[in-house]
Amino acid sequence: MKKNLMFSLAMLTAGSLLAADASPKDDVTAAAGAVSGAASYSWHTITDMGPNAQFTPGPVDGKTEKDGYTLVTMSFNDNTTEILVKGTNSAVKTQDNGWQSAAEASQGGGGGGFNPGRMAARVAQNKKPADQAAALVGQVGDLKAGADGITGDLTEEGAKSMMTFGRRGGNANISNAKGTVTFWIADGKLVKFKTHVTGTVNFNGTDNDVDRTSTTEIKGVGTTKVEVPDDAKKKLE
């Protein structure tokens, strides 16, 4: 009896020490992993381009099933674009053309205007929100838990990556890149994260000030259903 009591006390002490050792970074990583490892989830992202922005993108809504389909809906003004992804394959639906493969949608979509095929291919390469959040943990110097979430400053390289949406800057030169990220966790799962980046991007000799805030809310973890039309599935084949 005495041995059992001592063993139980030792286990409780070890558990308390492990809990005390868990850092905010560990908490966010685990919470993001709980979402990415779930059978499915959905998300809603809004982006504020700052007071001097020439345009404001519409919301982005997405649904994903683990190892299955991902359906993303993007809005801009009165136009809605849907993008279906499975693996590295993607299809896109515009209001003018219905469902097309990324290759079909790219035809005749060159120049500097909106290219739905290119957008579909890019979405197929993007990390899903829970994976994006996990990657952000590695782009902060430190995270601190507070009354309004778990917050930290992005490293300079992390801020630059956010300013170029995780891609190479190409001909762009970035200066004064700064940023913050905040995570919210409930019941051991990531429920929201927000990034705010500022800086200047010089592209082909022209300076453009960036002041962008993106907020993503995650919901329906494990219960989200992705309903895919047959004509969309055919465009992935």
Foldseek 3Di string as FASTA:
>chain_A
DVVVVVVVVVVVVVVVVVVVPQFPLNLLLQQLCLQLVFQKWKKKKAKDFDDPDPAGWDMKIWIDGHQAKIWIWTDGDPWIKIWIEHQQWIWIQTPVPGIATLVVQQVPQDDDDDRRSVVNNVVNVDDPPSVVSNVQSVQFPGWDQDPQFIKTKGDQVSQVCVVVVNDDPVQKDWPPKIKMKGWDGDPSHTFKMKMWIWTWIQHPRDIDTTTMMMMMGMDCRNNDDDDDDPVNVVNRD
